[in-house]
Amino acid sequence: MSGSSSGMGFKGWFNRSGWRSTIINVPYLWLIAFFLVPFIIVFGMSLGIRTSTSPPVGYLPDWPYVTLENYARLFQDSIYIRSYFISLRNALTATVLCLLVGYPMALGITRVSKSWRNILLMLVILPFWTSFLLRVYAWMGLMGSNSWFNRGLTSLYNSIAPIDWQLSSIPMMNTNFAVVLVMVYSYLPFMILPLYANLEKLDTTLNEAAMDLGSRPWQVFKDVTLPLSIPGIIAGGLLVFIPASGELIIPSLVGDASDPMIGRVISDEFSSARHWPMSSAVAVALLLLLVVPLMVYNHFEGKAQEGGGAR
């Protein structure tokens, strides 16, 4: 009885509106403090004019100094449009490659025994135990012209290429190829883990029923497994695409300075050019470019689910 009464007492304490609302509101307070407030400050700076101080005096500009010139410049200066295009292209390429590599890996992990499953999941997250910067530097060494990795690929290429196209080494460093390659390596776990979480919950009896009805394995995958794993694909794609779009470290270390991604442009505007309002406008535009389509998708997806539930 005492245990039951203590349990009821704790439940009653937790269900008190004050404590329950406080605990539920903690994530919202976190988002307000560390997302909404910084966004308002950055957006306010984007409406200001360039000053001789860094950061500008007064984050939120006074009314006479409010201007949309920084946003207009985004469409007038080709460097920004080109950087946005390069960022979205590289991020989309990395996301597709992560999906092509990560989906079979996630599906394979769900098909092994539980003991092996834990080992394979540990190997997936093992790179997180090493500094991100050190891993990028390791790839810089691998892609160097004298590395065993580069020499091996060069030998393979020369064995199938015509004599006139023979190379002493494949130029990997300071290219978009290097940026995409390192991003795929770095963000692959973010694709595998959501896919695994989704695929692991699927009912395998559906596959067995489809095969009993005469479906071939590839048809079972196309008609059953793939459609049911779409939520995991979307979650993994967002976890890869969004941070890859604003990536700074990888393009700065292995990318081509003449083809900068937008993260490097923002960094240069802040640090080198000391144009904080312009860099803020670039950052706000990137955020809207990524968030607005996601909000529109969630809106229509919610409408579709409500319609399906109503039927």
Protein backbone atom coordinates (compact mmCIF):
# COMPACT_ATOMS: atom_id res chain seq x y z
CA MET A 1 0.00 0.00 0.00
CA SER A 2 2.83 2.38 0.85
CA GLY A 3 4.45 1.74 -2.55
CA SER A 4 1.11 2.32 -4.27
CA SER A 5 0.46 5.52 -2.35
CA SER A 6 3.97 6.82 -3.07
CA GLY A 7 3.47 6.04 -6.77
CA MET A 8 0.15 7.85 -6.76
CA GLY A 9 1.77 10.75 -4.93
CA PHE A 10 4.51 11.07 -7.54
CA LYS A 11 1.95 10.81 -10.33
CA GLY A 12 -0.18 13.48 -8.70
CA TRP A 13 2.90 15.70 -8.23
CA PHE A 14 3.88 15.29 -11.88
CA ASN A 15 0.37 15.89 -13.15
CA ARG A 16 0.10 19.20 -11.40
CA SER A 17 -0.38 21.72 -14.17
CA GLY A 18 2.55 23.87 -13.09
CA TRP A 19 5.22 21.14 -13.16
CA ARG A 20 3.83 19.42 -16.24
CA SER A 21 3.66 22.63 -18.24
CA THR A 22 7.17 23.59 -17.13
CA ILE A 23 8.66 20.30 -18.31
CA ILE A 24 6.73 20.40 -21.59
CA ASN A 25 7.74 24.01 -22.24
CA VAL A 26 11.48 23.44 -21.76
CA PRO A 27 12.05 22.56 -25.48
CA TYR A 28 10.13 25.66 -26.52
CA LEU A 29 12.17 27.84 -24.18
CA TRP A 30 15.34 26.31 -25.61
CA LEU A 31 14.24 27.08 -29.18
CA ILE A 32 13.29 30.63 -28.25
CA ALA A 33 16.58 31.31 -26.47
CA PHE A 34 18.95 29.63 -28.93
CA PHE A 35 17.12 29.90 -32.25
CA LEU A 36 14.47 32.61 -32.33
CA VAL A 37 16.40 35.30 -30.44
CA PRO A 38 19.65 34.81 -32.43
CA PHE A 39 17.63 34.76 -35.65
CA ILE A 40 15.96 38.06 -34.75
CA ILE A 41 19.38 39.59 -34.04
CA VAL A 42 20.83 38.32 -37.33
CA PHE A 43 17.74 39.43 -39.26
CA GLY A 44 17.97 42.85 -37.63
CA MET A 45 21.60 43.18 -38.64
CA SER A 46 20.70 42.18 -42.21
CA LEU A 47 18.50 45.28 -42.44
CA GLY A 48 21.30 47.61 -41.40
CA ILE A 49 24.13 49.34 -43.22
CA ARG A 50 27.82 48.66 -43.08
CA THR A 51 29.68 50.42 -40.27
CA SER A 52 33.32 50.86 -39.35
CA THR A 53 32.95 48.64 -36.29
CA SER A 54 32.70 44.87 -36.09
CA PRO A 55 30.23 43.91 -34.78
CA PRO A 56 28.15 46.91 -35.79
CA VAL A 57 27.13 49.32 -33.06
CA GLY A 58 23.54 48.38 -32.21
CA TYR A 59 22.51 44.99 -33.53
CA LEU A 60 19.02 46.20 -34.42
CA PRO A 61 19.30 49.29 -36.66
CA ASP A 62 17.35 52.45 -36.01
CA TRP A 63 14.58 53.25 -38.45
CA PRO A 64 16.46 55.79 -40.63
CA TYR A 65 19.16 53.16 -41.23
CA VAL A 66 16.86 50.23 -42.08
CA THR A 67 17.43 49.12 -45.68
CA LEU A 68 16.73 46.17 -47.98
CA GLU A 69 19.84 46.90 -50.02
CA ASN A 70 21.63 43.82 -48.71
CA TYR A 71 18.83 41.52 -49.89
CA ALA A 72 18.68 43.26 -53.26
CA ARG A 73 22.40 42.66 -53.66
CA LEU A 74 21.83 38.92 -53.33
CA PHE A 75 20.16 39.00 -56.76
CA GLN A 76 22.56 41.52 -58.29
CA ASP A 77 25.93 40.00 -57.42
CA SER A 78 26.59 36.73 -59.24
CA ILE A 79 28.90 35.44 -56.50
CA TYR A 80 25.95 34.86 -54.17
CA ILE A 81 23.70 33.18 -56.74
CA ARG A 82 26.60 31.00 -57.88
CA SER A 83 27.50 30.07 -54.30
CA TYR A 84 23.91 29.12 -53.49
CA PHE A 85 23.77 26.96 -56.61
CA ILE A 86 27.08 25.25 -55.84
CA SER A 87 26.01 24.63 -52.22
CA LEU A 88 22.65 23.14 -53.15
CA ARG A 89 24.20 21.05 -55.94
CA ASN A 90 26.95 19.63 -53.73
CA ALA A 91 24.54 19.03 -50.84
CA LEU A 92 22.01 17.28 -53.10
CA THR A 93 24.74 15.13 -54.68
CA ALA A 94 26.08 14.16 -51.26
CA THR A 95 22.57 13.36 -50.02
CA VAL A 96 21.80 11.09 -52.99
CA LEU A 97 25.14 9.29 -52.63
CA CYS A 98 24.59 8.88 -48.88
CA LEU A 99 21.20 7.35 -49.65
CA LEU A 100 22.61 4.98 -52.27
CA VAL A 101 25.36 3.85 -49.90
CA GLY A 102 23.45 4.06 -46.61
CA TYR A 103 20.23 2.30 -47.59
CA PRO A 104 21.82 -1.11 -48.31
CA MET A 105 23.91 -0.77 -45.15
CA ALA A 106 20.88 0.06 -42.98
CA LEU A 107 18.83 -2.73 -44.58
CA GLY A 108 21.70 -5.18 -44.10
CA ILE A 109 22.02 -4.28 -40.41
CA THR A 110 18.34 -5.10 -39.85
CA ARG A 111 18.81 -8.54 -41.42
CA VAL A 112 21.59 -9.79 -39.12
CA SER A 113 21.35 -11.23 -35.61
CA LYS A 114 20.99 -8.87 -32.65
CA SER A 115 24.56 -9.47 -31.46
CA TRP A 116 26.01 -8.53 -34.86
CA ARG A 117 23.51 -5.68 -35.13
CA ASN A 118 24.95 -3.97 -32.06
CA ILE A 119 28.49 -4.35 -33.36
CA LEU A 120 27.62 -2.93 -36.78
CA LEU A 121 25.75 0.02 -35.24
CA MET A 122 28.79 0.74 -33.08
CA LEU A 123 30.96 0.75 -36.21
CA VAL A 124 28.56 3.23 -37.84
CA ILE A 125 28.84 5.71 -34.99
CA LEU A 126 32.54 5.02 -34.32
CA PRO A 127 33.75 7.97 -36.50
CA PHE A 128 31.95 10.35 -34.12
CA TRP A 129 34.49 9.42 -31.47
CA THR A 130 37.18 11.15 -33.53
CA SER A 131 37.45 14.88 -34.07
CA PHE A 132 35.63 16.04 -37.20
CA LEU A 133 38.57 18.24 -38.14
CA LEU A 134 41.04 15.36 -37.83
CA ARG A 135 38.92 13.23 -40.14
CA VAL A 136 38.91 15.97 -42.77
CA TYR A 137 42.69 16.30 -42.47
CA ALA A 138 42.97 12.52 -42.91
CA TRP A 139 41.07 12.79 -46.20
CA MET A 140 43.38 15.62 -47.26
CA GLY A 141 46.27 13.21 -46.86
CA LEU A 142 44.46 10.45 -48.74
CA MET A 143 43.65 12.70 -51.69
CA GLY A 144 47.16 14.09 -52.01
CA SER A 145 48.97 13.41 -55.29
CA ASN A 146 51.54 11.12 -53.59
CA SER A 147 49.17 9.14 -51.37
CA TRP A 148 48.56 5.42 -51.85
CA PHE A 149 44.85 6.16 -52.37
CA ASN A 150 45.54 8.58 -55.22
CA ARG A 151 48.23 6.36 -56.76
CA GLY A 152 45.90 3.36 -56.68
CA LEU A 153 43.07 5.22 -58.39
CA THR A 154 45.51 6.68 -60.90
CA SER A 155 46.82 3.21 -61.77
CA LEU A 156 43.28 1.93 -62.18
CA TYR A 157 42.39 4.89 -64.39
CA ASN A 158 45.52 4.54 -66.54
CA SER A 159 44.82 0.82 -67.06
CA ILE A 160 41.53 1.59 -68.84
CA ALA A 161 42.21 5.05 -70.32
CA PRO A 162 43.74 5.67 -73.76
CA ILE A 163 47.45 6.47 -73.96
CA ASP A 164 46.76 10.14 -74.70
CA TRP A 165 44.73 10.47 -71.48
CA GLN A 166 47.27 8.94 -69.11
CA LEU A 167 47.79 10.87 -65.83
CA SER A 168 50.63 11.02 -63.34
CA SER A 169 48.08 11.61 -60.58
CA ILE A 170 44.38 12.35 -60.40
CA PRO A 171 43.73 15.95 -59.29
CA MET A 172 41.44 15.45 -56.29
CA MET A 173 42.25 18.23 -53.86
CA ASN A 174 40.61 21.65 -54.24
CA THR A 175 37.74 20.30 -56.33
CA ASN A 176 34.00 19.83 -55.87
CA PHE A 177 34.67 16.10 -56.12
CA ALA A 178 36.72 16.30 -52.93
CA VAL A 179 34.02 18.33 -51.18
CA VAL A 180 31.28 15.83 -52.06
CA LEU A 181 33.47 12.83 -51.18
CA VAL A 182 34.33 14.13 -47.71
CA MET A 183 30.73 15.22 -47.08
CA VAL A 184 29.47 11.73 -47.97
CA TYR A 185 31.97 10.20 -45.56
CA SER A 186 31.17 12.71 -42.80
CA TYR A 187 27.37 12.64 -43.04
CA LEU A 188 26.80 8.99 -43.95
CA PRO A 189 25.93 7.98 -40.35
CA PHE A 190 23.18 10.65 -40.32
CA MET A 191 21.58 8.78 -43.22
CA ILE A 192 22.11 5.25 -41.91
CA LEU A 193 20.73 5.73 -38.39
CA PRO A 194 17.27 7.13 -39.34
CA LEU A 195 16.95 4.53 -42.07
CA TYR A 196 17.86 1.76 -39.65
CA ALA A 197 15.35 3.05 -37.07
CA ASN A 198 12.63 2.99 -39.73
CA LEU A 199 13.54 -0.32 -41.38
CA GLU A 200 13.95 -2.10 -38.05
CA LYS A 201 10.29 -1.43 -37.22
CA LEU A 202 8.93 -2.90 -40.46
CA ASP A 203 6.85 -6.06 -40.25
CA THR A 204 8.83 -8.77 -42.06
CA THR A 205 5.67 -10.87 -42.44
CA LEU A 206 4.59 -8.43 -45.17
CA ASN A 207 7.63 -9.44 -47.21
CA GLU A 208 6.91 -13.11 -46.61
CA ALA A 209 3.28 -12.66 -47.65
CA ALA A 210 4.33 -10.87 -50.85
CA MET A 211 6.77 -13.67 -51.73
CA ASP A 212 4.10 -16.30 -50.99
CA LEU A 213 1.90 -14.50 -53.52
CA GLY A 214 4.58 -14.88 -56.20
CA SER A 215 6.55 -11.63 -55.96
CA ARG A 216 10.25 -11.76 -56.70
CA PRO A 217 12.70 -10.28 -54.14
CA TRP A 218 13.21 -7.08 -56.14
CA GLN A 219 9.43 -6.68 -56.46
CA VAL A 220 9.02 -7.15 -52.71
CA PHE A 221 11.58 -4.42 -52.15
CA LYS A 222 9.95 -2.08 -54.70
CA ASP A 223 6.35 -2.64 -53.61
CA VAL A 224 6.67 -3.21 -49.85
CA THR A 225 9.98 -2.26 -48.26
CA LEU A 226 10.77 0.92 -50.19
CA PRO A 227 7.35 2.62 -49.77
CA LEU A 228 7.28 1.84 -46.04
CA SER A 229 10.80 3.26 -45.59
CA ILE A 230 10.01 6.66 -47.14
CA PRO A 231 9.75 8.39 -43.70
CA GLY A 232 13.27 7.18 -42.89
CA ILE A 233 14.53 8.34 -46.29
CA ILE A 234 13.05 11.81 -45.73
CA ALA A 235 14.47 12.06 -42.19
CA GLY A 236 17.93 10.92 -43.29
CA GLY A 237 17.85 13.17 -46.34
CA LEU A 238 17.06 16.23 -44.23
CA LEU A 239 19.74 15.37 -41.67
CA VAL A 240 22.30 15.23 -44.48
CA PHE A 241 21.09 17.93 -46.87
CA ILE A 242 20.52 20.77 -44.40
CA PRO A 243 23.96 20.78 -42.68
CA ALA A 244 25.71 19.97 -45.97
CA SER A 245 24.16 23.06 -47.59
CA GLY A 246 25.81 25.37 -45.09
CA GLU A 247 29.03 23.40 -44.66
CA LEU A 248 32.11 25.55 -43.98
CA ILE A 249 35.02 23.40 -42.82
CA ILE A 250 35.04 20.87 -45.66
CA PRO A 251 34.89 23.39 -48.56
CA SER A 252 37.50 25.57 -46.86
CA LEU A 253 39.99 22.72 -46.49
CA VAL A 254 39.46 20.58 -49.60
CA GLY A 255 37.32 22.76 -51.90
CA ASP A 256 38.14 25.16 -54.71
CA ALA A 257 38.33 28.79 -53.60
CA SER A 258 37.06 29.88 -57.03
CA ASP A 259 33.88 27.79 -56.51
CA PRO A 260 32.97 28.64 -52.90
CA MET A 261 29.99 27.20 -51.09
CA ILE A 262 27.70 29.62 -49.31
CA GLY A 263 29.10 28.77 -45.87
CA ARG A 264 32.51 30.03 -46.92
CA VAL A 265 30.96 33.17 -48.42
CA ILE A 266 29.22 33.93 -45.12
CA SER A 267 32.45 33.36 -43.21
CA ASP A 268 34.43 35.63 -45.54
CA GLU A 269 31.81 38.38 -45.29
CA PHE A 270 31.98 38.24 -41.51
CA SER A 271 35.74 37.91 -41.03
CA SER A 272 37.55 39.27 -44.10
CA ALA A 273 35.16 41.83 -45.60
CA ARG A 274 33.76 42.76 -42.16
CA HIS A 275 30.40 43.37 -43.80
CA TRP A 276 28.17 42.00 -41.03
CA PRO A 277 24.83 43.22 -42.47
CA MET A 278 25.55 41.58 -45.84
CA SER A 279 26.70 38.33 -44.27
CA SER A 280 23.57 38.33 -42.09
CA ALA A 281 21.39 38.76 -45.19
CA VAL A 282 23.14 35.82 -46.86
CA ALA A 283 22.61 33.67 -43.75
CA VAL A 284 18.91 34.62 -43.46
CA ALA A 285 18.35 33.89 -47.16
CA LEU A 286 19.99 30.46 -46.78
CA LEU A 287 17.81 29.67 -43.76
CA LEU A 288 14.64 30.66 -45.61
CA LEU A 289 15.76 28.70 -48.67
CA LEU A 290 15.99 25.55 -46.56
CA VAL A 291 13.18 26.02 -44.05
CA VAL A 292 10.34 27.42 -46.18
CA PRO A 293 10.12 24.39 -48.54
CA LEU A 294 10.22 22.11 -45.50
CA MET A 295 7.37 24.02 -43.85
CA VAL A 296 5.32 23.89 -47.06
CA TYR A 297 5.93 20.14 -47.34
CA ASN A 298 4.91 19.56 -43.71
CA HIS A 299 1.76 21.64 -44.25
CA PHE A 300 0.59 19.64 -47.24
CA GLU A 301 1.68 16.36 -45.66
CA GLY A 302 -0.43 17.17 -42.60
CA LYS A 303 -3.39 18.03 -44.83
CA ALA A 304 -3.00 14.74 -46.70
CA GLN A 305 -2.89 12.75 -43.45
CA GLU A 306 -5.96 14.55 -42.14
CA GLY A 307 -7.79 13.78 -45.39
CA GLY A 308 -6.77 10.13 -45.22
CA GLY A 309 -7.90 9.93 -41.59
CA ALA A 310 -11.24 11.51 -42.44
CA ARG A 311 -11.90 8.88 -45.11
